[in-house]
PDB file of all heavy atoms in Angstrom:
ATOM      1  N   GLU A   1     -23.162 -28.755  -4.299  1.00  0.00           N
ATOM      2  CA  GLU A   1     -22.162 -29.359  -5.166  1.00  0.00           C
ATOM      3  C   GLU A   1     -20.840 -29.498  -4.430  1.00  0.00           C
ATOM      4  O   GLU A   1     -20.373 -28.555  -3.774  1.00  0.00           O
ATOM      5  CB  GLU A   1     -21.976 -28.493  -6.409  1.00  0.00           C
ATOM      6  CG  GLU A   1     -20.932 -29.005  -7.377  1.00  0.00           C
ATOM      7  CD  GLU A   1     -20.721 -28.049  -8.532  1.00  0.00           C
ATOM      8  OE1 GLU A   1     -21.351 -26.967  -8.548  1.00  0.00           O
ATOM      9  OE2 GLU A   1     -19.885 -28.364  -9.414  1.00  0.00           O
ATOM     10  N   LEU A   2     -20.216 -30.690  -4.515  1.00  0.00           N
ATOM     11  CA  LEU A   2     -18.939 -30.923  -3.857  1.00  0.00           C
ATOM     12  C   LEU A   2     -17.841 -30.139  -4.578  1.00  0.00           C
ATOM     13  O   LEU A   2     -17.645 -30.294  -5.782  1.00  0.00           O
ATOM     14  CB  LEU A   2     -18.603 -32.414  -3.858  1.00  0.00           C
ATOM     15  CG  LEU A   2     -17.276 -32.801  -3.174  1.00  0.00           C
ATOM     16  CD1 LEU A   2     -17.330 -32.488  -1.680  1.00  0.00           C
ATOM     17  CD2 LEU A   2     -16.969 -34.275  -3.408  1.00  0.00           C
ATOM     18  N   LEU A   3     -17.125 -29.308  -3.814  1.00  0.00           N
ATOM     19  CA  LEU A   3     -16.055 -28.480  -4.386  1.00  0.00           C
ATOM     20  C   LEU A   3     -14.677 -29.101  -4.165  1.00  0.00           C
ATOM     21  O   LEU A   3     -13.826 -29.074  -5.039  1.00  0.00           O
ATOM     22  CB  LEU A   3     -16.082 -27.081  -3.772  1.00  0.00           C
ATOM     23  CG  LEU A   3     -17.408 -26.324  -3.857  1.00  0.00           C
ATOM     24  CD1 LEU A   3     -17.290 -24.977  -3.157  1.00  0.00           C
ATOM     25  CD2 LEU A   3     -17.840 -26.148  -5.300  1.00  0.00           C
ATOM     26  N   ASP A   4     -14.482 -29.654  -2.963  1.00  0.00           N
ATOM     27  CA  ASP A   4     -13.183 -30.247  -2.636  1.00  0.00           C
ATOM     28  C   ASP A   4     -13.303 -31.014  -1.329  1.00  0.00           C
ATOM     29  O   ASP A   4     -14.239 -30.785  -0.538  1.00  0.00           O
ATOM     30  CB  ASP A   4     -12.106 -29.150  -2.504  1.00  0.00           C
ATOM     31  CG  ASP A   4     -10.688 -29.709  -2.479  1.00  0.00           C
ATOM     32  OD1 ASP A   4     -10.490 -30.828  -3.002  1.00  0.00           O
ATOM     33  OD2 ASP A   4      -9.797 -29.049  -1.940  1.00  0.00           O
ATOM     34  N   ASP A   5     -12.362 -31.904  -1.118  1.00  0.00           N
ATOM     35  CA  ASP A   5     -12.219 -32.621   0.153  1.00  0.00           C
ATOM     36  C   ASP A   5     -10.934 -32.103   0.770  1.00  0.00           C
ATOM     37  O   ASP A   5      -9.827 -32.428   0.323  1.00  0.00           O
ATOM     38  CB  ASP A   5     -12.134 -34.129  -0.118  1.00  0.00           C
ATOM     39  CG  ASP A   5     -12.040 -34.934   1.174  1.00  0.00           C
ATOM     40  OD1 ASP A   5     -12.052 -34.316   2.264  1.00  0.00           O
ATOM     41  OD2 ASP A   5     -11.944 -36.171   1.094  1.00  0.00           O
ATOM     42  N   GLY A   6     -11.067 -31.227   1.791  1.00  0.00           N
ATOM     43  CA  GLY A   6      -9.889 -30.566   2.324  1.00  0.00           C
ATOM     44  C   GLY A   6      -9.893 -30.465   3.834  1.00  0.00           C
ATOM     45  O   GLY A   6     -10.584 -31.232   4.524  1.00  0.00           O
ATOM     46  N   LEU A   7      -9.141 -29.526   4.355  1.00  0.00           N
ATOM     47  CA  LEU A   7      -9.039 -29.285   5.789  1.00  0.00           C
ATOM     48  C   LEU A   7      -9.534 -27.880   6.095  1.00  0.00           C
ATOM     49  O   LEU A   7      -9.361 -26.961   5.288  1.00  0.00           O
ATOM     50  CB  LEU A   7      -7.591 -29.422   6.268  1.00  0.00           C
ATOM     51  CG  LEU A   7      -6.907 -30.764   6.031  1.00  0.00           C
ATOM     52  CD1 LEU A   7      -5.443 -30.685   6.448  1.00  0.00           C
ATOM     53  CD2 LEU A   7      -7.621 -31.876   6.783  1.00  0.00           C
ATOM     54  N   VAL A   8     -10.144 -27.711   7.270  1.00  0.00           N
ATOM     55  CA  VAL A   8     -10.614 -26.394   7.696  1.00  0.00           C
ATOM     56  C   VAL A   8     -10.100 -26.108   9.100  1.00  0.00           C
ATOM     57  O   VAL A   8      -9.885 -27.019   9.903  1.00  0.00           O
ATOM     58  CB  VAL A   8     -12.152 -26.297   7.662  1.00  0.00           C
ATOM     59  CG1 VAL A   8     -12.665 -26.386   6.236  1.00  0.00           C
ATOM     60  CG2 VAL A   8     -12.793 -27.384   8.522  1.00  0.00           C
ATOM     61  N   LEU A   9      -9.896 -24.826   9.377  1.00  0.00           N
ATOM     62  CA  LEU A   9      -9.478 -24.387  10.704  1.00  0.00           C
ATOM     63  C   LEU A   9     -10.273 -23.152  11.103  1.00  0.00           C
ATOM     64  O   LEU A   9     -10.607 -22.315  10.254  1.00  0.00           O
ATOM     65  CB  LEU A   9      -7.982 -24.029  10.734  1.00  0.00           C
ATOM     66  CG  LEU A   9      -6.993 -25.174  10.605  1.00  0.00           C
ATOM     67  CD1 LEU A   9      -6.493 -25.271   9.173  1.00  0.00           C
ATOM     68  CD2 LEU A   9      -5.814 -24.968  11.549  1.00  0.00           C
ATOM     69  N   TRP A  10     -10.512 -23.025  12.396  1.00  0.00           N
ATOM     70  CA  TRP A  10     -11.286 -21.910  12.933  1.00  0.00           C
ATOM     71  C   TRP A  10     -10.472 -21.241  14.044  1.00  0.00           C
ATOM     72  O   TRP A  10     -10.007 -21.888  14.984  1.00  0.00           O
ATOM     73  CB  TRP A  10     -12.620 -22.428  13.478  1.00  0.00           C
ATOM     74  CG  TRP A  10     -13.371 -21.503  14.397  1.00  0.00           C
ATOM     75  CD1 TRP A  10     -13.768 -21.748  15.673  1.00  0.00           C
ATOM     76  CD2 TRP A  10     -13.831 -20.180  14.088  1.00  0.00           C
ATOM     77  NE1 TRP A  10     -14.435 -20.677  16.194  1.00  0.00           N
ATOM     78  CE2 TRP A  10     -14.494 -19.690  15.236  1.00  0.00           C
ATOM     79  CE3 TRP A  10     -13.741 -19.373  12.959  1.00  0.00           C
ATOM     80  CZ2 TRP A  10     -15.052 -18.433  15.287  1.00  0.00           C
ATOM     81  CZ3 TRP A  10     -14.301 -18.108  13.012  1.00  0.00           C
ATOM     82  CH2 TRP A  10     -14.960 -17.653  14.160  1.00  0.00           C
ATOM     83  N   PHE A  11     -10.294 -19.906  13.900  1.00  0.00           N
ATOM     84  CA  PHE A  11      -9.540 -19.121  14.882  1.00  0.00           C
ATOM     85  C   PHE A  11     -10.428 -17.971  15.365  1.00  0.00           C
ATOM     86  O   PHE A  11     -10.557 -16.954  14.663  1.00  0.00           O
ATOM     87  CB  PHE A  11      -8.271 -18.543  14.261  1.00  0.00           C
ATOM     88  CG  PHE A  11      -7.355 -19.563  13.656  1.00  0.00           C
ATOM     89  CD1 PHE A  11      -7.439 -19.875  12.312  1.00  0.00           C
ATOM     90  CD2 PHE A  11      -6.394 -20.199  14.434  1.00  0.00           C
ATOM     91  CE1 PHE A  11      -6.593 -20.806  11.744  1.00  0.00           C
ATOM     92  CE2 PHE A  11      -5.543 -21.138  13.879  1.00  0.00           C
ATOM     93  CZ  PHE A  11      -5.641 -21.447  12.530  1.00  0.00           C
ATOM     94  N   PRO A  12     -11.061 -18.101  16.526  1.00  0.00           N
ATOM     95  CA  PRO A  12     -11.894 -16.988  17.010  1.00  0.00           C
ATOM     96  C   PRO A  12     -11.028 -15.807  17.443  1.00  0.00           C
ATOM     97  O   PRO A  12      -9.948 -15.980  18.014  1.00  0.00           O
ATOM     98  CB  PRO A  12     -12.637 -17.596  18.203  1.00  0.00           C
ATOM     99  CG  PRO A  12     -11.801 -18.755  18.636  1.00  0.00           C
ATOM    100  CD  PRO A  12     -11.105 -19.270  17.423  1.00  0.00           C
ATOM    101  N   GLY A  13     -11.501 -14.589  17.124  1.00  0.00           N
ATOM    102  CA  GLY A  13     -10.776 -13.384  17.521  1.00  0.00           C
ATOM    103  C   GLY A  13     -10.972 -13.091  18.994  1.00  0.00           C
ATOM    104  O   GLY A  13     -11.797 -13.713  19.658  1.00  0.00           O
ATOM    105  N   PRO A  14     -10.207 -12.153  19.556  1.00  0.00           N
ATOM    106  CA  PRO A  14      -9.247 -11.271  18.869  1.00  0.00           C
ATOM    107  C   PRO A  14      -7.822 -11.824  18.791  1.00  0.00           C
ATOM    108  O   PRO A  14      -6.950 -11.164  18.252  1.00  0.00           O
ATOM    109  CB  PRO A  14      -9.280 -10.009  19.725  1.00  0.00           C
ATOM    110  CG  PRO A  14      -9.505 -10.531  21.117  1.00  0.00           C
ATOM    111  CD  PRO A  14     -10.428 -11.723  20.957  1.00  0.00           C
ATOM    112  N   GLY A  15      -7.594 -13.033  19.318  1.00  0.00           N
ATOM    113  CA  GLY A  15      -6.246 -13.572  19.354  1.00  0.00           C
ATOM    114  C   GLY A  15      -5.832 -14.226  18.058  1.00  0.00           C
ATOM    115  O   GLY A  15      -5.401 -15.380  18.038  1.00  0.00           O
ATOM    116  N   THR A  16      -5.946 -13.492  16.957  1.00  0.00           N
ATOM    117  CA  THR A  16      -5.555 -13.999  15.644  1.00  0.00           C
ATOM    118  C   THR A  16      -4.612 -13.004  14.977  1.00  0.00           C
ATOM    119  O   THR A  16      -4.393 -11.907  15.492  1.00  0.00           O
ATOM    120  CB  THR A  16      -6.789 -14.198  14.743  1.00  0.00           C
ATOM    121  OG1 THR A  16      -7.389 -12.913  14.482  1.00  0.00           O
ATOM    122  CG2 THR A  16      -7.816 -15.110  15.394  1.00  0.00           C
ATOM    123  N   VAL A  17      -4.090 -13.364  13.820  1.00  0.00           N
ATOM    124  CA  VAL A  17      -3.136 -12.470  13.150  1.00  0.00           C
ATOM    125  C   VAL A  17      -3.777 -11.154  12.733  1.00  0.00           C
ATOM    126  O   VAL A  17      -3.109 -10.127  12.653  1.00  0.00           O
ATOM    127  CB  VAL A  17      -2.498 -13.164  11.923  1.00  0.00           C
ATOM    128  CG1 VAL A  17      -1.616 -14.303  12.364  1.00  0.00           C
ATOM    129  CG2 VAL A  17      -3.548 -13.653  10.946  1.00  0.00           C
ATOM    130  N   THR A  18      -5.087 -11.159  12.467  1.00  0.00           N
ATOM    131  CA  THR A  18      -5.772  -9.928  12.084  1.00  0.00           C
ATOM    132  C   THR A  18      -6.494  -9.259  13.244  1.00  0.00           C
ATOM    133  O   THR A  18      -6.962  -8.129  13.102  1.00  0.00           O
ATOM    134  CB  THR A  18      -6.791 -10.192  10.967  1.00  0.00           C
ATOM    135  OG1 THR A  18      -7.779 -11.117  11.460  1.00  0.00           O
ATOM    136  CG2 THR A  18      -6.132 -10.761   9.723  1.00  0.00           C
ATOM    137  N   GLY A  19      -6.604  -9.965  14.376  1.00  0.00           N
ATOM    138  CA  GLY A  19      -7.379  -9.441  15.493  1.00  0.00           C
ATOM    139  C   GLY A  19      -8.868  -9.661  15.333  1.00  0.00           C
ATOM    140  O   GLY A  19      -9.656  -9.171  16.139  1.00  0.00           O
ATOM    141  N   GLU A  20      -9.278 -10.404  14.290  1.00  0.00           N
ATOM    142  CA  GLU A  20     -10.680 -10.682  14.018  1.00  0.00           C
ATOM    143  C   GLU A  20     -10.896 -12.196  13.986  1.00  0.00           C
ATOM    144  O   GLU A  20      -9.942 -12.981  13.995  1.00  0.00           O
ATOM    145  CB  GLU A  20     -11.090 -10.111  12.654  1.00  0.00           C
ATOM    146  CG  GLU A  20     -10.850  -8.636  12.486  1.00  0.00           C
ATOM    147  CD  GLU A  20     -11.126  -8.169  11.065  1.00  0.00           C
ATOM    148  OE1 GLU A  20     -10.996  -8.982  10.127  1.00  0.00           O
ATOM    149  OE2 GLU A  20     -11.472  -6.996  10.897  1.00  0.00           O
ATOM    150  N   ASP A  21     -12.177 -12.617  13.921  1.00  0.00           N
ATOM    151  CA  ASP A  21     -12.474 -14.019  13.654  1.00  0.00           C
ATOM    152  C   ASP A  21     -11.838 -14.404  12.324  1.00  0.00           C
ATOM    153  O   ASP A  21     -11.895 -13.643  11.343  1.00  0.00           O
ATOM    154  CB  ASP A  21     -13.986 -14.251  13.589  1.00  0.00           C
ATOM    155  CG  ASP A  21     -14.646 -14.164  14.958  1.00  0.00           C
ATOM    156  OD1 ASP A  21     -13.915 -14.154  15.969  1.00  0.00           O
ATOM    157  OD2 ASP A  21     -15.893 -14.107  15.013  1.00  0.00           O
ATOM    158  N   LEU A  22     -11.232 -15.586  12.282  1.00  0.00           N
ATOM    159  CA  LEU A  22     -10.472 -15.995  11.110  1.00  0.00           C
ATOM    160  C   LEU A  22     -10.752 -17.458  10.790  1.00  0.00           C
ATOM    161  O   LEU A  22     -10.830 -18.292  11.700  1.00  0.00           O
ATOM    162  CB  LEU A  22      -8.983 -15.803  11.372  1.00  0.00           C
ATOM    163  CG  LEU A  22      -8.041 -15.914  10.186  1.00  0.00           C
ATOM    164  CD1 LEU A  22      -8.041 -14.608   9.395  1.00  0.00           C
ATOM    165  CD2 LEU A  22      -6.626 -16.213  10.664  1.00  0.00           C
ATOM    166  N   ALA A  23     -10.919 -17.758   9.512  1.00  0.00           N
ATOM    167  CA  ALA A  23     -11.105 -19.133   9.062  1.00  0.00           C
ATOM    168  C   ALA A  23     -10.144 -19.424   7.927  1.00  0.00           C
ATOM    169  O   ALA A  23      -9.785 -18.525   7.157  1.00  0.00           O
ATOM    170  CB  ALA A  23     -12.543 -19.360   8.601  1.00  0.00           C
ATOM    171  N   GLU A  24      -9.731 -20.678   7.821  1.00  0.00           N
ATOM    172  CA  GLU A  24      -8.856 -21.091   6.731  1.00  0.00           C
ATOM    173  C   GLU A  24      -9.375 -22.360   6.096  1.00  0.00           C
ATOM    174  O   GLU A  24      -9.812 -23.287   6.791  1.00  0.00           O
ATOM    175  CB  GLU A  24      -7.416 -21.309   7.220  1.00  0.00           C
ATOM    176  CG  GLU A  24      -6.669 -20.034   7.546  1.00  0.00           C
ATOM    177  CD  GLU A  24      -5.215 -20.290   7.902  1.00  0.00           C
ATOM    178  OE1 GLU A  24      -4.811 -21.478   7.961  1.00  0.00           O
ATOM    179  OE2 GLU A  24      -4.479 -19.304   8.118  1.00  0.00           O
ATOM    180  N   PHE A  25      -9.303 -22.391   4.765  1.00  0.00           N
ATOM    181  CA  PHE A  25      -9.625 -23.577   3.981  1.00  0.00           C
ATOM    182  C   PHE A  25      -8.327 -24.059   3.331  1.00  0.00           C
ATOM    183  O   PHE A  25      -7.713 -23.316   2.555  1.00  0.00           O
ATOM    184  CB  PHE A  25     -10.656 -23.246   2.892  1.00  0.00           C
ATOM    185  CG  PHE A  25     -11.981 -22.785   3.426  1.00  0.00           C
ATOM    186  CD1 PHE A  25     -12.212 -21.433   3.671  1.00  0.00           C
ATOM    187  CD2 PHE A  25     -13.004 -23.688   3.680  1.00  0.00           C
ATOM    188  CE1 PHE A  25     -13.432 -20.995   4.157  1.00  0.00           C
ATOM    189  CE2 PHE A  25     -14.236 -23.254   4.166  1.00  0.00           C
ATOM    190  CZ  PHE A  25     -14.448 -21.911   4.412  1.00  0.00           C
ATOM    191  N   HIS A  26      -7.901 -25.266   3.647  1.00  0.00           N
ATOM    192  CA  HIS A  26      -6.715 -25.864   3.051  1.00  0.00           C
ATOM    193  C   HIS A  26      -7.173 -26.826   1.963  1.00  0.00           C
ATOM    194  O   HIS A  26      -7.774 -27.865   2.249  1.00  0.00           O
ATOM    195  CB  HIS A  26      -5.884 -26.580   4.115  1.00  0.00           C
ATOM    196  CG  HIS A  26      -5.265 -25.657   5.112  1.00  0.00           C
ATOM    197  ND1 HIS A  26      -3.971 -25.786   5.567  1.00  0.00           N
ATOM    198  CD2 HIS A  26      -5.762 -24.552   5.742  1.00  0.00           C
ATOM    199  CE1 HIS A  26      -3.704 -24.819   6.424  1.00  0.00           C
ATOM    200  NE2 HIS A  26      -4.780 -24.062   6.561  1.00  0.00           N
ATOM    201  N   LEU A  27      -6.887 -26.464   0.716  1.00  0.00           N
ATOM    202  CA  LEU A  27      -7.469 -27.129  -0.435  1.00  0.00           C
ATOM    203  C   LEU A  27      -6.395 -27.829  -1.262  1.00  0.00           C
ATOM    204  O   LEU A  27      -5.199 -27.572  -1.118  1.00  0.00           O
ATOM    205  CB  LEU A  27      -8.175 -26.091  -1.328  1.00  0.00           C
ATOM    206  CG  LEU A  27      -9.041 -25.036  -0.637  1.00  0.00           C
ATOM    207  CD1 LEU A  27      -9.421 -23.952  -1.626  1.00  0.00           C
ATOM    208  CD2 LEU A  27     -10.273 -25.698  -0.035  1.00  0.00           C
ATOM    209  N   HIS A  28      -6.857 -28.699  -2.177  1.00  0.00           N
ATOM    210  CA  HIS A  28      -5.984 -29.137  -3.246  1.00  0.00           C
ATOM    211  C   HIS A  28      -5.696 -27.908  -4.122  1.00  0.00           C
ATOM    212  O   HIS A  28      -6.593 -27.105  -4.399  1.00  0.00           O
ATOM    213  CB  HIS A  28      -6.634 -30.254  -4.064  1.00  0.00           C
ATOM    214  CG  HIS A  28      -6.790 -31.526  -3.275  1.00  0.00           C
ATOM    215  ND1 HIS A  28      -7.935 -31.857  -2.600  1.00  0.00           N
ATOM    216  CD2 HIS A  28      -5.902 -32.537  -3.040  1.00  0.00           C
ATOM    217  CE1 HIS A  28      -7.780 -33.021  -1.983  1.00  0.00           C
ATOM    218  NE2 HIS A  28      -6.553 -33.459  -2.239  1.00  0.00           N
ATOM    219  N   GLY A  29      -4.440 -27.793  -4.577  1.00  0.00           N
ATOM    220  CA  GLY A  29      -4.007 -26.521  -5.147  1.00  0.00           C
ATOM    221  C   GLY A  29      -4.226 -26.314  -6.622  1.00  0.00           C
ATOM    222  O   GLY A  29      -3.463 -25.561  -7.245  1.00  0.00           O
ATOM    223  N   GLY A  30      -5.238 -26.908  -7.211  1.00  0.00           N
ATOM    224  CA  GLY A  30      -5.545 -26.656  -8.613  1.00  0.00           C
ATOM    225  C   GLY A  30      -6.299 -25.354  -8.808  1.00  0.00           C
ATOM    226  O   GLY A  30      -7.025 -24.897  -7.921  1.00  0.00           O
ATOM    227  N   ARG A  31      -6.150 -24.763  -9.984  1.00  0.00           N
ATOM    228  CA  ARG A  31      -6.809 -23.484 -10.255  1.00  0.00           C
ATOM    229  C   ARG A  31      -8.324 -23.597 -10.147  1.00  0.00           C
ATOM    230  O   ARG A  31      -8.984 -22.718  -9.597  1.00  0.00           O
ATOM    231  CB  ARG A  31      -6.428 -22.991 -11.651  1.00  0.00           C
ATOM    232  CG  ARG A  31      -4.978 -22.553 -11.798  1.00  0.00           C
ATOM    233  CD  ARG A  31      -4.733 -21.895 -13.145  1.00  0.00           C
ATOM    234  NE  ARG A  31      -3.348 -21.465 -13.298  1.00  0.00           N
ATOM    235  CZ  ARG A  31      -2.384 -22.199 -13.804  1.00  0.00           C
ATOM    236  NH1 ARG A  31      -2.657 -23.433 -14.240  1.00  0.00           N
ATOM    237  NH2 ARG A  31      -1.147 -21.745 -13.904  1.00  0.00           N
ATOM    238  N   ALA A  32      -8.884 -24.677 -10.671  1.00  0.00           N
ATOM    239  CA  ALA A  32     -10.342 -24.823 -10.671  1.00  0.00           C
ATOM    240  C   ALA A  32     -10.883 -24.978  -9.257  1.00  0.00           C
ATOM    241  O   ALA A  32     -11.960 -24.454  -8.932  1.00  0.00           O
ATOM    242  CB  ALA A  32     -10.744 -26.021 -11.532  1.00  0.00           C
ATOM    243  N   VAL A  33     -10.145 -25.699  -8.414  1.00  0.00           N
ATOM    244  CA  VAL A  33     -10.584 -25.877  -7.019  1.00  0.00           C
ATOM    245  C   VAL A  33     -10.611 -24.532  -6.304  1.00  0.00           C
ATOM    246  O   VAL A  33     -11.601 -24.173  -5.642  1.00  0.00           O
ATOM    247  CB  VAL A  33      -9.648 -26.861  -6.281  1.00  0.00           C
ATOM    248  CG1 VAL A  33     -10.006 -26.914  -4.796  1.00  0.00           C
ATOM    249  CG2 VAL A  33      -9.740 -28.246  -6.891  1.00  0.00           C
TER     250      VAL A  33
END
């Protein structure tokens, strides 16, 4: 099921803010999304 049409980013660790593998989903900002 399609949830959203957005942007994704991938940050392999350890060179991230947490020191771990990190992913981000940039979404439309509605509560349901």
